[in-house]
Amino acid sequence: MTPAVETGRLRLRRLSPPDAAFLVELLNQRSWIDFIGDRGVRTRAQASTYLTERIDSQFEKFGFGMWGMELRHEAQLIGLVGLVKRDFLPEPDLGFALLDRYAGQGYAFEAASAVLPLAAALGYTRLLAITLPGNHRSINLLERLGFVLEATELPPDGGECASRPVLFARRVG
């Protein structure tokens, strides 16, 4: 299992069952639903199932997944960041999402920058990222991280996004 990472302001750590309330909040905010998709997670019990089936299973299968983004100075979860292996993509995908009240403060850039070396350490030379064409915050962040637009016509991703995402790619390592 890949260990947690610390940055100047953040600790990236595996989520655990007590984090279910955080997942309910994150997965039900308007920005998640609009840009990532409605996961139908409305209760702590459903969040626990989501954690086991969608997040923990990535770590078990691939040795990587989505970490909770936690403020170091107050141990407060503010988002998710990490690597996801999707069936319809050849390489791992950099993923990130913040609670809206923490957006625009540099946390996603800080966390995603810490994940890039982990992809290289796992032996990957290329990393992908998908987002919807209208998600300007994500597109700007990906460009700041050195990703470049690679494809604008991806097939639907198996129902995860409401519309067709665009694909960005970046060399790592």
Protein backbone atom coordinates (compact mmCIF):
# COMPACT_ATOMS: atom_id res chain seq x y z
CA MET A 1 0.00 0.00 0.00
CA THR A 2 1.32 3.44 -0.90
CA PRO A 3 1.97 5.51 2.23
CA ALA A 4 0.31 8.82 2.97
CA VAL A 5 2.05 11.98 1.76
CA GLU A 6 2.41 15.34 3.47
CA THR A 7 2.77 18.73 1.83
CA GLY A 8 3.16 22.14 3.43
CA ARG A 9 -0.54 22.40 4.31
CA LEU A 10 -1.98 18.96 3.60
CA ARG A 11 -1.82 15.32 4.57
CA LEU A 12 -2.93 12.82 1.95
CA ARG A 13 -4.25 9.72 3.65
CA ARG A 14 -6.42 6.69 3.07
CA LEU A 15 -10.03 7.18 3.99
CA SER A 16 -11.62 5.02 6.66
CA PRO A 17 -15.21 4.28 7.77
CA PRO A 18 -15.41 7.32 10.11
CA ASP A 19 -14.92 9.50 6.98
CA ALA A 20 -18.33 8.50 5.61
CA ALA A 21 -19.98 11.82 6.59
CA PHE A 22 -17.29 13.69 4.63
CA LEU A 23 -17.98 11.52 1.56
CA VAL A 24 -21.72 12.18 1.80
CA GLU A 25 -21.06 15.93 1.82
CA LEU A 26 -18.51 15.86 -1.03
CA LEU A 27 -20.47 13.55 -3.32
CA ASN A 28 -23.66 15.58 -2.94
CA GLN A 29 -22.36 19.08 -3.52
CA ARG A 30 -23.55 20.65 -6.76
CA SER A 31 -20.06 20.86 -8.33
CA TRP A 32 -19.47 17.11 -7.86
CA ILE A 33 -22.83 16.22 -9.34
CA ASP A 34 -22.42 18.64 -12.27
CA PHE A 35 -18.82 17.82 -13.17
CA ILE A 36 -18.25 14.27 -11.93
CA GLY A 37 -21.70 12.72 -11.67
CA ASP A 38 -24.34 11.72 -9.17
CA ARG A 39 -23.22 8.58 -7.36
CA GLY A 40 -26.50 8.15 -5.49
CA VAL A 41 -24.68 8.26 -2.14
CA ARG A 42 -27.03 9.91 0.35
CA THR A 43 -26.37 8.17 3.67
CA ARG A 44 -23.33 7.20 5.74
CA ALA A 45 -24.09 3.54 5.04
CA GLN A 46 -24.05 4.21 1.29
CA ALA A 47 -20.82 6.22 1.71
CA SER A 48 -19.22 3.28 3.53
CA THR A 49 -20.17 1.00 0.65
CA TYR A 50 -18.80 3.55 -1.85
CA LEU A 51 -15.55 3.69 0.13
CA THR A 52 -15.18 -0.08 0.07
CA GLU A 53 -16.32 -0.74 -3.50
CA ARG A 54 -14.98 2.32 -5.34
CA ILE A 55 -12.05 3.74 -3.37
CA ASP A 56 -10.51 0.90 -1.35
CA SER A 57 -10.88 -1.55 -4.24
CA GLN A 58 -8.53 0.60 -6.37
CA PHE A 59 -5.81 0.36 -3.71
CA GLU A 60 -6.32 -3.39 -3.43
CA LYS A 61 -6.24 -3.97 -7.20
CA PHE A 62 -3.62 -1.46 -8.33
CA GLY A 63 -1.72 -0.22 -5.26
CA PHE A 64 -3.04 3.30 -5.72
CA GLY A 65 -6.32 5.15 -5.47
CA MET A 66 -7.92 8.30 -4.09
CA TRP A 67 -6.61 9.73 -0.83
CA GLY A 68 -8.43 12.06 1.47
CA MET A 69 -6.98 15.57 1.40
CA GLU A 70 -6.74 16.65 5.03
CA LEU A 71 -5.63 19.99 6.46
CA ARG A 72 -2.54 19.36 8.59
CA HIS A 73 -3.24 22.09 11.12
CA GLU A 74 -6.75 20.92 12.01
CA ALA A 75 -7.15 17.35 10.72
CA GLN A 76 -10.15 18.37 8.57
CA LEU A 77 -10.88 16.52 5.32
CA ILE A 78 -11.37 18.97 2.45
CA GLY A 79 -11.27 16.81 -0.67
CA LEU A 80 -9.96 13.82 -2.57
CA VAL A 81 -6.89 13.45 -4.78
CA GLY A 82 -5.14 10.49 -6.31
CA LEU A 83 -4.84 8.04 -9.16
CA VAL A 84 -7.68 6.02 -10.62
CA LYS A 85 -7.48 3.17 -13.11
CA ARG A 86 -10.48 3.30 -15.41
CA ASP A 87 -11.39 0.48 -17.79
CA PHE A 88 -11.69 2.85 -20.75
CA LEU A 89 -8.27 4.51 -20.29
CA PRO A 90 -4.86 2.87 -20.95
CA GLU A 91 -3.03 4.63 -18.08
CA PRO A 92 -4.04 5.89 -14.63
CA ASP A 93 -6.06 9.06 -14.37
CA LEU A 94 -5.26 11.91 -11.95
CA GLY A 95 -8.41 12.74 -10.02
CA PHE A 96 -9.19 15.53 -7.58
CA ALA A 97 -12.22 17.14 -5.97
CA LEU A 98 -12.59 19.68 -3.19
CA LEU A 99 -15.39 20.75 -0.95
CA ASP A 100 -16.52 24.01 -2.56
CA ARG A 101 -15.61 26.14 0.45
CA TYR A 102 -11.92 25.19 -0.03
CA ALA A 103 -11.76 25.80 -3.80
CA GLY A 104 -9.58 28.56 -5.17
CA GLN A 105 -7.03 28.41 -2.32
CA GLY A 106 -4.35 26.32 -4.04
CA TYR A 107 -5.12 23.09 -2.20
CA ALA A 108 -5.90 21.03 -5.32
CA PHE A 109 -2.68 22.17 -7.02
CA GLU A 110 -0.64 21.38 -3.89
CA ALA A 111 -2.19 17.93 -3.51
CA ALA A 112 -2.06 17.01 -7.20
CA SER A 113 1.59 18.13 -7.40
CA ALA A 114 2.37 15.68 -4.59
CA VAL A 115 0.65 12.82 -6.46
CA LEU A 116 2.63 13.22 -9.71
CA PRO A 117 5.89 11.78 -8.29
CA LEU A 118 3.93 8.84 -6.89
CA ALA A 119 2.85 7.89 -10.42
CA ALA A 120 6.48 7.92 -11.52
CA ALA A 121 7.51 5.88 -8.45
CA LEU A 122 4.91 3.29 -9.43
CA GLY A 123 6.61 2.98 -12.83
CA TYR A 124 4.27 5.02 -14.98
CA THR A 125 5.73 7.36 -17.59
CA ARG A 126 2.43 8.90 -18.62
CA LEU A 127 -0.54 10.07 -16.61
CA LEU A 128 -3.99 10.97 -17.90
CA ALA A 129 -6.76 13.21 -16.60
CA ILE A 130 -10.35 13.61 -17.71
CA THR A 131 -12.78 16.42 -17.13
CA LEU A 132 -15.84 17.90 -18.75
CA PRO A 133 -15.29 20.67 -21.31
CA GLY A 134 -17.15 23.20 -19.12
CA ASN A 135 -15.13 22.51 -15.98
CA HIS A 136 -12.80 25.49 -16.38
CA ARG A 137 -11.30 25.24 -12.88
CA SER A 138 -10.16 21.67 -13.52
CA ILE A 139 -8.88 22.48 -17.00
CA ASN A 140 -6.88 25.42 -15.68
CA LEU A 141 -5.43 23.29 -12.88
CA LEU A 142 -4.45 20.50 -15.28
CA GLU A 143 -2.72 22.99 -17.56
CA ARG A 144 -0.84 24.49 -14.57
CA LEU A 145 0.30 20.94 -13.73
CA GLY A 146 1.71 20.48 -17.25
CA PHE A 147 -1.09 18.41 -18.77
CA VAL A 148 -2.00 19.05 -22.39
CA LEU A 149 -5.28 18.40 -24.16
CA GLU A 150 -5.05 15.12 -26.03
CA ALA A 151 -8.60 14.24 -27.11
CA THR A 152 -11.90 16.06 -27.23
CA GLU A 153 -14.10 13.15 -28.27
CA LEU A 154 -13.89 10.41 -25.67
CA PRO A 155 -16.50 7.70 -25.59
CA PRO A 156 -18.93 7.80 -22.67
CA ASP A 157 -17.18 6.47 -19.58
CA GLY A 158 -19.61 3.79 -18.59
CA GLY A 159 -22.13 6.13 -17.00
CA GLU A 160 -19.78 7.93 -14.61
CA CYS A 161 -20.13 11.35 -16.28
CA ALA A 162 -23.34 12.80 -17.64
CA SER A 163 -21.61 13.92 -20.86
CA ARG A 164 -18.46 13.17 -22.81
CA PRO A 165 -15.24 14.14 -21.03
CA VAL A 166 -12.09 15.53 -22.63
CA LEU A 167 -8.72 13.85 -22.10
CA PHE A 168 -5.49 15.46 -20.94
CA ALA A 169 -2.10 13.75 -20.71
CA ARG A 170 1.27 14.46 -19.09
CA ARG A 171 4.63 12.69 -18.97
CA VAL A 172 5.81 11.80 -15.46
CA GLY A 173 9.14 10.62 -14.16
